[in-house]
Structures are given as structure tokens and as C-alpha cells.
Amino acid sequence: EAMNILKTIHNHNWDNIIENMKGDIF
């Protein structure tokens, strides 16, 4: 569910936070 929410953010200014959170998910 967390990964699905992150996929809805399309603004690249948030990429650093999104990638960090994806690392936490994995």
C-alpha cells in the first residue's frame, strides 16, 4: 500500500524522499 501511494507522486522534486522511502520498504 505504501509503494502504491508513492507511485502516485509524479513531481520529480520529491524523488529523493520517495527513493529513500522505497529503500525503507524493501
PDB file of all heavy atoms in Angstrom:
ATOM      1  N   GLU A   1       0.830  -1.202   0.000  1.00  0.00           N
ATOM      2  CA  GLU A   1       0.000   0.000   0.000  1.00  0.00           C
ATOM      3  C   GLU A   1       0.868   1.258   0.000  1.00  0.00           C
ATOM      4  O   GLU A   1       0.573   2.226  -0.702  1.00  0.00           O
ATOM      5  CB  GLU A   1      -0.947   0.012   1.212  1.00  0.00           C
ATOM      6  CG  GLU A   1      -2.055  -1.017   1.152  1.00  0.00           C
ATOM      7  CD  GLU A   1      -1.647  -2.383   1.709  1.00  0.00           C
ATOM      8  OE1 GLU A   1      -0.431  -2.641   1.882  1.00  0.00           O
ATOM      9  OE2 GLU A   1      -2.549  -3.196   1.947  1.00  0.00           O
ATOM     10  N   ALA A   2       1.950   1.224   0.772  1.00  0.00           N
ATOM     11  CA  ALA A   2       2.871   2.367   0.810  1.00  0.00           C
ATOM     12  C   ALA A   2       3.495   2.601  -0.562  1.00  0.00           C
ATOM     13  O   ALA A   2       3.566   3.740  -1.038  1.00  0.00           O
ATOM     14  CB  ALA A   2       3.961   2.136   1.856  1.00  0.00           C
ATOM     15  N   MET A   3       3.900   1.521  -1.215  1.00  0.00           N
ATOM     16  CA  MET A   3       4.507   1.634  -2.544  1.00  0.00           C
ATOM     17  C   MET A   3       3.498   2.202  -3.541  1.00  0.00           C
ATOM     18  O   MET A   3       3.851   3.051  -4.372  1.00  0.00           O
ATOM     19  CB  MET A   3       5.015   0.270  -3.003  1.00  0.00           C
ATOM     20  CG  MET A   3       5.888   0.322  -4.227  1.00  0.00           C
ATOM     21  SD  MET A   3       7.478   1.142  -3.972  1.00  0.00           S
ATOM     22  CE  MET A   3       8.435  -0.180  -3.276  1.00  0.00           C
ATOM     23  N   ASN A   4       2.253   1.767  -3.455  1.00  0.00           N
ATOM     24  CA  ASN A   4       1.216   2.278  -4.359  1.00  0.00           C
ATOM     25  C   ASN A   4       0.981   3.777  -4.154  1.00  0.00           C
ATOM     26  O   ASN A   4       0.755   4.507  -5.119  1.00  0.00           O
ATOM     27  CB  ASN A   4      -0.097   1.507  -4.174  1.00  0.00           C
ATOM     28  CG  ASN A   4      -0.007   0.100  -4.724  1.00  0.00           C
ATOM     29  OD1 ASN A   4       0.817  -0.189  -5.599  1.00  0.00           O
ATOM     30  ND2 ASN A   4      -0.837  -0.782  -4.210  1.00  0.00           N
ATOM     31  N   ILE A   5       1.024   4.220  -2.919  1.00  0.00           N
ATOM     32  CA  ILE A   5       0.863   5.661  -2.645  1.00  0.00           C
ATOM     33  C   ILE A   5       2.033   6.436  -3.248  1.00  0.00           C
ATOM     34  O   ILE A   5       1.843   7.472  -3.895  1.00  0.00           O
ATOM     35  CB  ILE A   5       0.753   5.932  -1.130  1.00  0.00           C
ATOM     36  CG1 ILE A   5      -0.554   5.355  -0.577  1.00  0.00           C
ATOM     37  CG2 ILE A   5       0.846   7.427  -0.831  1.00  0.00           C
ATOM     38  CD1 ILE A   5      -0.654   5.340   0.938  1.00  0.00           C
ATOM     39  N   LEU A   6       3.239   5.930  -3.060  1.00  0.00           N
ATOM     40  CA  LEU A   6       4.423   6.622  -3.587  1.00  0.00           C
ATOM     41  C   LEU A   6       4.387   6.723  -5.113  1.00  0.00           C
ATOM     42  O   LEU A   6       4.855   7.710  -5.684  1.00  0.00           O
ATOM     43  CB  LEU A   6       5.699   5.915  -3.133  1.00  0.00           C
ATOM     44  CG  LEU A   6       6.004   5.983  -1.639  1.00  0.00           C
ATOM     45  CD1 LEU A   6       7.230   5.146  -1.300  1.00  0.00           C
ATOM     46  CD2 LEU A   6       6.181   7.420  -1.176  1.00  0.00           C
ATOM     47  N   LYS A   7       3.806   5.731  -5.756  1.00  0.00           N
ATOM     48  CA  LYS A   7       3.720   5.739  -7.226  1.00  0.00           C
ATOM     49  C   LYS A   7       2.797   6.837  -7.745  1.00  0.00           C
ATOM     50  O   LYS A   7       2.869   7.201  -8.914  1.00  0.00           O
ATOM     51  CB  LYS A   7       3.240   4.380  -7.733  1.00  0.00           C
ATOM     52  CG  LYS A   7       4.287   3.297  -7.631  1.00  0.00           C
ATOM     53  CD  LYS A   7       3.746   1.968  -8.112  1.00  0.00           C
ATOM     54  CE  LYS A   7       4.775   0.863  -7.920  1.00  0.00           C
ATOM     55  NZ  LYS A   7       4.226  -0.455  -8.309  1.00  0.00           N
ATOM     56  N   THR A   8       1.936   7.377  -6.889  1.00  0.00           N
ATOM     57  CA  THR A   8       1.014   8.431  -7.339  1.00  0.00           C
ATOM     58  C   THR A   8       1.656   9.819  -7.310  1.00  0.00           C
ATOM     59  O   THR A   8       1.050  10.776  -7.773  1.00  0.00           O
ATOM     60  CB  THR A   8      -0.264   8.463  -6.467  1.00  0.00           C
ATOM     61  OG1 THR A   8       0.074   8.829  -5.134  1.00  0.00           O
ATOM     62  CG2 THR A   8      -0.984   7.121  -6.483  1.00  0.00           C
ATOM     63  N   ILE A   9       2.863   9.918  -6.792  1.00  0.00           N
ATOM     64  CA  ILE A   9       3.567  11.218  -6.742  1.00  0.00           C
ATOM     65  C   ILE A   9       4.433  11.318  -7.995  1.00  0.00           C
ATOM     66  O   ILE A   9       5.384  10.553  -8.162  1.00  0.00           O
ATOM     67  CB  ILE A   9       4.419  11.341  -5.463  1.00  0.00           C
ATOM     68  CG1 ILE A   9       3.541  11.198  -4.226  1.00  0.00           C
ATOM     69  CG2 ILE A   9       5.180  12.665  -5.459  1.00  0.00           C
ATOM     70  CD1 ILE A   9       4.295  11.127  -2.924  1.00  0.00           C
ATOM     71  N   HIS A  10       4.095  12.280  -8.847  1.00  0.00           N
ATOM     72  CA  HIS A  10       4.774  12.388 -10.142  1.00  0.00           C
ATOM     73  C   HIS A  10       5.707  13.584 -10.245  1.00  0.00           C
ATOM     74  O   HIS A  10       6.358  13.769 -11.253  1.00  0.00           O
ATOM     75  CB  HIS A  10       3.730  12.447 -11.267  1.00  0.00           C
ATOM     76  CG  HIS A  10       2.824  11.253 -11.274  1.00  0.00           C
ATOM     77  ND1 HIS A  10       3.252   9.978 -11.571  1.00  0.00           N
ATOM     78  CD2 HIS A  10       1.513  11.141 -10.976  1.00  0.00           C
ATOM     79  CE1 HIS A  10       2.243   9.134 -11.475  1.00  0.00           C
ATOM     80  NE2 HIS A  10       1.167   9.818 -11.104  1.00  0.00           N
ATOM     81  N   ASN A  11       5.769  14.388  -9.225  1.00  0.00           N
ATOM     82  CA  ASN A  11       6.639  15.560  -9.218  1.00  0.00           C
ATOM     83  C   ASN A  11       8.052  15.101  -8.843  1.00  0.00           C
ATOM     84  O   ASN A  11       8.276  14.560  -7.763  1.00  0.00           O
ATOM     85  CB  ASN A  11       6.109  16.584  -8.213  1.00  0.00           C
ATOM     86  CG  ASN A  11       6.880  17.879  -8.241  1.00  0.00           C
ATOM     87  OD1 ASN A  11       8.064  17.916  -8.558  1.00  0.00           O
ATOM     88  ND2 ASN A  11       6.203  18.957  -7.892  1.00  0.00           N
ATOM     89  N   HIS A  12       9.005  15.349  -9.732  1.00  0.00           N
ATOM     90  CA  HIS A  12      10.374  14.855  -9.522  1.00  0.00           C
ATOM     91  C   HIS A  12      11.121  15.577  -8.407  1.00  0.00           C
ATOM     92  O   HIS A  12      12.200  15.137  -8.004  1.00  0.00           O
ATOM     93  CB  HIS A  12      11.169  14.927 -10.831  1.00  0.00           C
ATOM     94  CG  HIS A  12      10.627  14.006 -11.873  1.00  0.00           C
ATOM     95  ND1 HIS A  12      10.674  12.640 -11.755  1.00  0.00           N
ATOM     96  CD2 HIS A  12       9.989  14.259 -13.038  1.00  0.00           C
ATOM     97  CE1 HIS A  12      10.108  12.084 -12.797  1.00  0.00           C
ATOM     98  NE2 HIS A  12       9.667  13.047 -13.595  1.00  0.00           N
ATOM     99  N   ASN A  13      10.572  16.657  -7.907  1.00  0.00           N
ATOM    100  CA  ASN A  13      11.211  17.346  -6.779  1.00  0.00           C
ATOM    101  C   ASN A  13      11.191  16.504  -5.503  1.00  0.00           C
ATOM    102  O   ASN A  13      11.919  16.789  -4.565  1.00  0.00           O
ATOM    103  CB  ASN A  13      10.530  18.692  -6.513  1.00  0.00           C
ATOM    104  CG  ASN A  13      10.731  19.663  -7.645  1.00  0.00           C
ATOM    105  OD1 ASN A  13      11.762  19.668  -8.302  1.00  0.00           O
ATOM    106  ND2 ASN A  13       9.728  20.489  -7.900  1.00  0.00           N
ATOM    107  N   TRP A  14      10.347  15.498  -5.481  1.00  0.00           N
ATOM    108  CA  TRP A  14      10.209  14.642  -4.300  1.00  0.00           C
ATOM    109  C   TRP A  14      10.948  13.312  -4.465  1.00  0.00           C
ATOM    110  O   TRP A  14      10.866  12.456  -3.596  1.00  0.00           O
ATOM    111  CB  TRP A  14       8.721  14.377  -4.028  1.00  0.00           C
ATOM    112  CG  TRP A  14       7.947  15.617  -3.785  1.00  0.00           C
ATOM    113  CD1 TRP A  14       7.242  16.348  -4.708  1.00  0.00           C
ATOM    114  CD2 TRP A  14       7.804  16.313  -2.555  1.00  0.00           C
ATOM    115  NE1 TRP A  14       6.673  17.441  -4.115  1.00  0.00           N
ATOM    116  CE2 TRP A  14       6.999  17.447  -2.796  1.00  0.00           C
ATOM    117  CE3 TRP A  14       8.275  16.090  -1.267  1.00  0.00           C
ATOM    118  CZ2 TRP A  14       6.659  18.342  -1.800  1.00  0.00           C
ATOM    119  CZ3 TRP A  14       7.927  16.982  -0.271  1.00  0.00           C
ATOM    120  CH2 TRP A  14       7.137  18.092  -0.545  1.00  0.00           C
ATOM    121  N   ASP A  15      11.690  13.130  -5.564  1.00  0.00           N
ATOM    122  CA  ASP A  15      12.334  11.843  -5.861  1.00  0.00           C
ATOM    123  C   ASP A  15      13.260  11.362  -4.754  1.00  0.00           C
ATOM    124  O   ASP A  15      13.274  10.177  -4.419  1.00  0.00           O
ATOM    125  CB  ASP A  15      13.112  11.911  -7.180  1.00  0.00           C
ATOM    126  CG  ASP A  15      12.199  11.842  -8.391  1.00  0.00           C
ATOM    127  OD1 ASP A  15      10.990  11.566  -8.216  1.00  0.00           O
ATOM    128  OD2 ASP A  15      12.690  12.056  -9.514  1.00  0.00           O
ATOM    129  N   ASN A  16      14.036  12.276  -4.157  1.00  0.00           N
ATOM    130  CA  ASN A  16      14.972  11.856  -3.111  1.00  0.00           C
ATOM    131  C   ASN A  16      14.222  11.227  -1.932  1.00  0.00           C
ATOM    132  O   ASN A  16      14.644  10.202  -1.397  1.00  0.00           O
ATOM    133  CB  ASN A  16      15.848  13.022  -2.656  1.00  0.00           C
ATOM    134  CG  ASN A  16      15.041  14.218  -2.187  1.00  0.00           C
ATOM    135  OD1 ASN A  16      13.929  14.463  -2.648  1.00  0.00           O
ATOM    136  ND2 ASN A  16      15.596  14.968  -1.269  1.00  0.00           N
ATOM    137  N   ILE A  17      13.106  11.810  -1.553  1.00  0.00           N
ATOM    138  CA  ILE A  17      12.332  11.284  -0.419  1.00  0.00           C
ATOM    139  C   ILE A  17      11.650   9.979  -0.811  1.00  0.00           C
ATOM    140  O   ILE A  17      11.643   9.015  -0.038  1.00  0.00           O
ATOM    141  CB  ILE A  17      11.298  12.332   0.055  1.00  0.00           C
ATOM    142  CG1 ILE A  17      12.026  13.582   0.565  1.00  0.00           C
ATOM    143  CG2 ILE A  17      10.387  11.760   1.124  1.00  0.00           C
ATOM    144  CD1 ILE A  17      11.127  14.768   0.821  1.00  0.00           C
ATOM    145  N   ILE A  18      11.105   9.948  -2.018  1.00  0.00           N
ATOM    146  CA  ILE A  18      10.412   8.745  -2.494  1.00  0.00           C
ATOM    147  C   ILE A  18      11.373   7.566  -2.557  1.00  0.00           C
ATOM    148  O   ILE A  18      11.056   6.460  -2.090  1.00  0.00           O
ATOM    149  CB  ILE A  18       9.755   9.007  -3.867  1.00  0.00           C
ATOM    150  CG1 ILE A  18       8.624  10.024  -3.715  1.00  0.00           C
ATOM    151  CG2 ILE A  18       9.245   7.716  -4.491  1.00  0.00           C
ATOM    152  CD1 ILE A  18       8.081  10.577  -5.027  1.00  0.00           C
ATOM    153  N   GLU A  19      12.546   7.780  -3.137  1.00  0.00           N
ATOM    154  CA  GLU A  19      13.529   6.693  -3.259  1.00  0.00           C
ATOM    155  C   GLU A  19      13.991   6.225  -1.872  1.00  0.00           C
ATOM    156  O   GLU A  19      14.173   5.030  -1.642  1.00  0.00           O
ATOM    157  CB  GLU A  19      14.726   7.135  -4.107  1.00  0.00           C
ATOM    158  CG  GLU A  19      14.380   7.543  -5.530  1.00  0.00           C
ATOM    159  CD  GLU A  19      13.683   6.459  -6.338  1.00  0.00           C
ATOM    160  OE1 GLU A  19      13.985   5.269  -6.156  1.00  0.00           O
ATOM    161  OE2 GLU A  19      12.818   6.811  -7.165  1.00  0.00           O
ATOM    162  N   ASN A  20      14.171   7.155  -0.954  1.00  0.00           N
ATOM    163  CA  ASN A  20      14.556   6.814   0.415  1.00  0.00           C
ATOM    164  C   ASN A  20      13.480   5.931   1.061  1.00  0.00           C
ATOM    165  O   ASN A  20      13.779   4.925   1.704  1.00  0.00           O
ATOM    166  CB  ASN A  20      14.785   8.091   1.223  1.00  0.00           C
ATOM    167  CG  ASN A  20      15.325   7.824   2.606  1.00  0.00           C
ATOM    168  OD1 ASN A  20      15.699   6.710   2.968  1.00  0.00           O
ATOM    169  ND2 ASN A  20      15.364   8.851   3.413  1.00  0.00           N
ATOM    170  N   MET A  21      12.223   6.322   0.877  1.00  0.00           N
ATOM    171  CA  MET A  21      11.129   5.549   1.464  1.00  0.00           C
ATOM    172  C   MET A  21      11.001   4.173   0.805  1.00  0.00           C
ATOM    173  O   MET A  21      10.693   3.184   1.472  1.00  0.00           O
ATOM    174  CB  MET A  21       9.820   6.338   1.365  1.00  0.00           C
ATOM    175  CG  MET A  21       9.815   7.544   2.300  1.00  0.00           C
ATOM    176  SD  MET A  21       8.353   8.587   2.137  1.00  0.00           S
ATOM    177  CE  MET A  21       7.114   7.550   2.890  1.00  0.00           C
ATOM    178  N   LYS A  22      11.263   4.105  -0.487  1.00  0.00           N
ATOM    179  CA  LYS A  22      11.241   2.798  -1.163  1.00  0.00           C
ATOM    180  C   LYS A  22      12.326   1.900  -0.578  1.00  0.00           C
ATOM    181  O   LYS A  22      12.113   0.699  -0.389  1.00  0.00           O
ATOM    182  CB  LYS A  22      11.444   2.967  -2.671  1.00  0.00           C
ATOM    183  CG  LYS A  22      10.229   3.495  -3.396  1.00  0.00           C
ATOM    184  CD  LYS A  22      10.502   3.633  -4.889  1.00  0.00           C
ATOM    185  CE  LYS A  22       9.303   4.178  -5.633  1.00  0.00           C
ATOM    186  NZ  LYS A  22       9.579   4.375  -7.073  1.00  0.00           N
ATOM    187  N   GLY A  23      13.483   2.486  -0.276  1.00  0.00           N
ATOM    188  CA  GLY A  23      14.535   1.714   0.388  1.00  0.00           C
ATOM    189  C   GLY A  23      14.058   1.180   1.726  1.00  0.00           C
ATOM    190  O   GLY A  23      14.314   0.019   2.076  1.00  0.00           O
ATOM    191  N   ASP A  24      13.343   2.016   2.478  1.00  0.00           N
ATOM    192  CA  ASP A  24      12.790   1.574   3.768  1.00  0.00           C
ATOM    193  C   ASP A  24      11.785   0.436   3.583  1.00  0.00           C
ATOM    194  O   ASP A  24      11.747  -0.504   4.386  1.00  0.00           O
ATOM    195  CB  ASP A  24      12.120   2.749   4.489  1.00  0.00           C
ATOM    196  CG  ASP A  24      13.110   3.828   4.910  1.00  0.00           C
ATOM    197  OD1 ASP A  24      14.334   3.559   4.940  1.00  0.00           O
ATOM    198  OD2 ASP A  24      12.653   4.947   5.206  1.00  0.00           O
ATOM    199  N   ILE A  25      10.988   0.542   2.537  1.00  0.00           N
ATOM    200  CA  ILE A  25      10.005  -0.518   2.260  1.00  0.00           C
ATOM    201  C   ILE A  25      10.713  -1.838   1.980  1.00  0.00           C
ATOM    202  O   ILE A  25      10.349  -2.881   2.530  1.00  0.00           O
ATOM    203  CB  ILE A  25       9.088  -0.123   1.075  1.00  0.00           C
ATOM    204  CG1 ILE A  25       8.163   1.028   1.483  1.00  0.00           C
ATOM    205  CG2 ILE A  25       8.286  -1.316   0.565  1.00  0.00           C
ATOM    206  CD1 ILE A  25       7.399   1.669   0.334  1.00  0.00           C
ATOM    207  N   PHE A  26      11.751  -1.796   1.137  1.00  0.00           N
ATOM    208  CA  PHE A  26      12.471  -3.040   0.828  1.00  0.00           C
ATOM    209  C   PHE A  26      13.219  -3.572   2.045  1.00  0.00           C
ATOM    210  O   PHE A  26      13.381  -4.774   2.193  1.00  0.00           O
ATOM    211  CB  PHE A  26      13.397  -2.844  -0.377  1.00  0.00           C
ATOM    212  CG  PHE A  26      12.659  -2.899  -1.672  1.00  0.00           C
ATOM    213  CD1 PHE A  26      12.357  -1.741  -2.363  1.00  0.00           C
ATOM    214  CD2 PHE A  26      12.215  -4.107  -2.187  1.00  0.00           C
ATOM    215  CE1 PHE A  26      11.647  -1.788  -3.551  1.00  0.00           C
ATOM    216  CE2 PHE A  26      11.509  -4.167  -3.367  1.00  0.00           C
ATOM    217  CZ  PHE A  26      11.216  -3.005  -4.064  1.00  0.00           C
TER     218      PHE A  26
END
